[in-house]
């Protein structure tokens, strides 16, 4: 027997928590997190994939205890 689950979007207040869980230690710009929240529309899978793609493209990198976002790339 199969079951259906209704999934609701991740509330914007939890986007920074999930991003920090994915990235690990280090500070991350609040403005970037706000833009990220608006882009992913509450979709946790999209958030993780967006961060992964940014890391692979070198647009997000860790340096001296903080995450640096390359907004020019």
C-alpha atoms as a PDB file:
ATOM      1  CA  UNK A   1       0.000   0.000   0.000  1.00  0.00           C
ATOM      2  CA  UNK A   2       1.366   3.413  -0.887  1.00  0.00           C
ATOM      3  CA  UNK A   3       0.938   6.541   1.167  1.00  0.00           C
ATOM      4  CA  UNK A   4       0.885  10.166   0.095  1.00  0.00           C
ATOM      5  CA  UNK A   5       2.511  12.915   2.058  1.00  0.00           C
ATOM      6  CA  UNK A   6       1.776  16.573   1.584  1.00  0.00           C
ATOM      7  CA  UNK A   7       5.029  18.504   1.553  1.00  0.00           C
ATOM      8  CA  UNK A   8       5.062  22.167   2.400  1.00  0.00           C
ATOM      9  CA  UNK A   9       7.822  24.647   1.549  1.00  0.00           C
ATOM     10  CA  UNK A  10      10.592  25.137   4.065  1.00  0.00           C
ATOM     11  CA  UNK A  11       9.925  28.339   5.988  1.00  0.00           C
ATOM     12  CA  UNK A  12      12.423  31.099   5.232  1.00  0.00           C
ATOM     13  CA  UNK A  13      13.686  31.164   8.821  1.00  0.00           C
ATOM     14  CA  UNK A  14      15.035  27.629   8.349  1.00  0.00           C
ATOM     15  CA  UNK A  15      16.969  28.374   5.142  1.00  0.00           C
ATOM     16  CA  UNK A  16      20.037  29.677   7.060  1.00  0.00           C
ATOM     17  CA  UNK A  17      19.966  26.631   9.343  1.00  0.00           C
ATOM     18  CA  UNK A  18      19.961  24.209   6.429  1.00  0.00           C
ATOM     19  CA  UNK A  19      22.630  26.202   4.571  1.00  0.00           C
ATOM     20  CA  UNK A  20      24.886  26.136   7.636  1.00  0.00           C
ATOM     21  CA  UNK A  21      24.248  22.415   8.052  1.00  0.00           C
ATOM     22  CA  UNK A  22      25.310  21.814   4.446  1.00  0.00           C
ATOM     23  CA  UNK A  23      28.336  24.120   4.567  1.00  0.00           C
ATOM     24  CA  UNK A  24      29.514  23.370   8.081  1.00  0.00           C
ATOM     25  CA  UNK A  25      31.295  25.878  10.257  1.00  0.00           C
ATOM     26  CA  UNK A  26      31.821  29.494   9.329  1.00  0.00           C
ATOM     27  CA  UNK A  27      29.876  32.674   8.936  1.00  0.00           C
ATOM     28  CA  UNK A  28      27.826  33.394   5.877  1.00  0.00           C
ATOM     29  CA  UNK A  29      26.451  36.711   4.652  1.00  0.00           C
ATOM     30  CA  UNK A  30      22.849  37.314   5.718  1.00  0.00           C
ATOM     31  CA  UNK A  31      22.090  39.155   2.469  1.00  0.00           C
ATOM     32  CA  UNK A  32      23.229  36.130   0.484  1.00  0.00           C
ATOM     33  CA  UNK A  33      21.040  33.854   2.610  1.00  0.00           C
ATOM     34  CA  UNK A  34      18.036  36.112   1.983  1.00  0.00           C
ATOM     35  CA  UNK A  35      18.624  36.066  -1.786  1.00  0.00           C
ATOM     36  CA  UNK A  36      19.100  32.312  -1.646  1.00  0.00           C
ATOM     37  CA  UNK A  37      15.819  31.886   0.250  1.00  0.00           C
ATOM     38  CA  UNK A  38      13.930  33.842  -2.401  1.00  0.00           C
ATOM     39  CA  UNK A  39      15.508  31.837  -5.234  1.00  0.00           C
ATOM     40  CA  UNK A  40      14.782  28.376  -3.861  1.00  0.00           C
ATOM     41  CA  UNK A  41      11.202  29.165  -2.831  1.00  0.00           C
ATOM     42  CA  UNK A  42      11.323  26.946   0.246  1.00  0.00           C
ATOM     43  CA  UNK A  43      12.534  23.874  -1.637  1.00  0.00           C
ATOM     44  CA  UNK A  44      15.238  22.194   0.510  1.00  0.00           C
ATOM     45  CA  UNK A  45      16.501  20.073  -2.400  1.00  0.00           C
ATOM     46  CA  UNK A  46      16.940  23.196  -4.529  1.00  0.00           C
ATOM     47  CA  UNK A  47      18.840  24.874  -1.685  1.00  0.00           C
ATOM     48  CA  UNK A  48      21.306  22.004  -1.333  1.00  0.00           C
ATOM     49  CA  UNK A  49      21.784  21.751  -5.104  1.00  0.00           C
ATOM     50  CA  UNK A  50      22.244  25.512  -5.455  1.00  0.00           C
ATOM     51  CA  UNK A  51      24.971  25.489  -2.780  1.00  0.00           C
ATOM     52  CA  UNK A  52      26.620  22.427  -4.331  1.00  0.00           C
ATOM     53  CA  UNK A  53      26.667  24.064  -7.769  1.00  0.00           C
ATOM     54  CA  UNK A  54      28.132  27.273  -6.336  1.00  0.00           C
ATOM     55  CA  UNK A  55      30.854  25.304  -4.560  1.00  0.00           C
ATOM     56  CA  UNK A  56      31.719  23.337  -7.689  1.00  0.00           C
ATOM     57  CA  UNK A  57      31.830  26.507  -9.795  1.00  0.00           C
ATOM     58  CA  UNK A  58      34.104  28.219  -7.275  1.00  0.00           C
ATOM     59  CA  UNK A  59      31.502  30.907  -6.565  1.00  0.00           C
ATOM     60  CA  UNK A  60      31.359  29.973  -2.905  1.00  0.00           C
ATOM     61  CA  UNK A  61      34.533  29.325  -0.948  1.00  0.00           C
ATOM     62  CA  UNK A  62      35.639  29.112   2.659  1.00  0.00           C
ATOM     63  CA  UNK A  63      38.348  31.467   3.881  1.00  0.00           C
ATOM     64  CA  UNK A  64      39.461  32.420   7.390  1.00  0.00           C
ATOM     65  CA  UNK A  65      36.313  31.288   9.162  1.00  0.00           C
ATOM     66  CA  UNK A  66      33.761  32.685   6.754  1.00  0.00           C
ATOM     67  CA  UNK A  67      32.142  31.799   3.460  1.00  0.00           C
ATOM     68  CA  UNK A  68      32.979  34.140   0.585  1.00  0.00           C
ATOM     69  CA  UNK A  69      30.381  34.542  -2.163  1.00  0.00           C
ATOM     70  CA  UNK A  70      31.639  35.605  -5.587  1.00  0.00           C
ATOM     71  CA  UNK A  71      28.833  37.783  -6.930  1.00  0.00           C
ATOM     72  CA  UNK A  72      30.717  38.752 -10.088  1.00  0.00           C
ATOM     73  CA  UNK A  73      31.048  35.247 -11.524  1.00  0.00           C
END
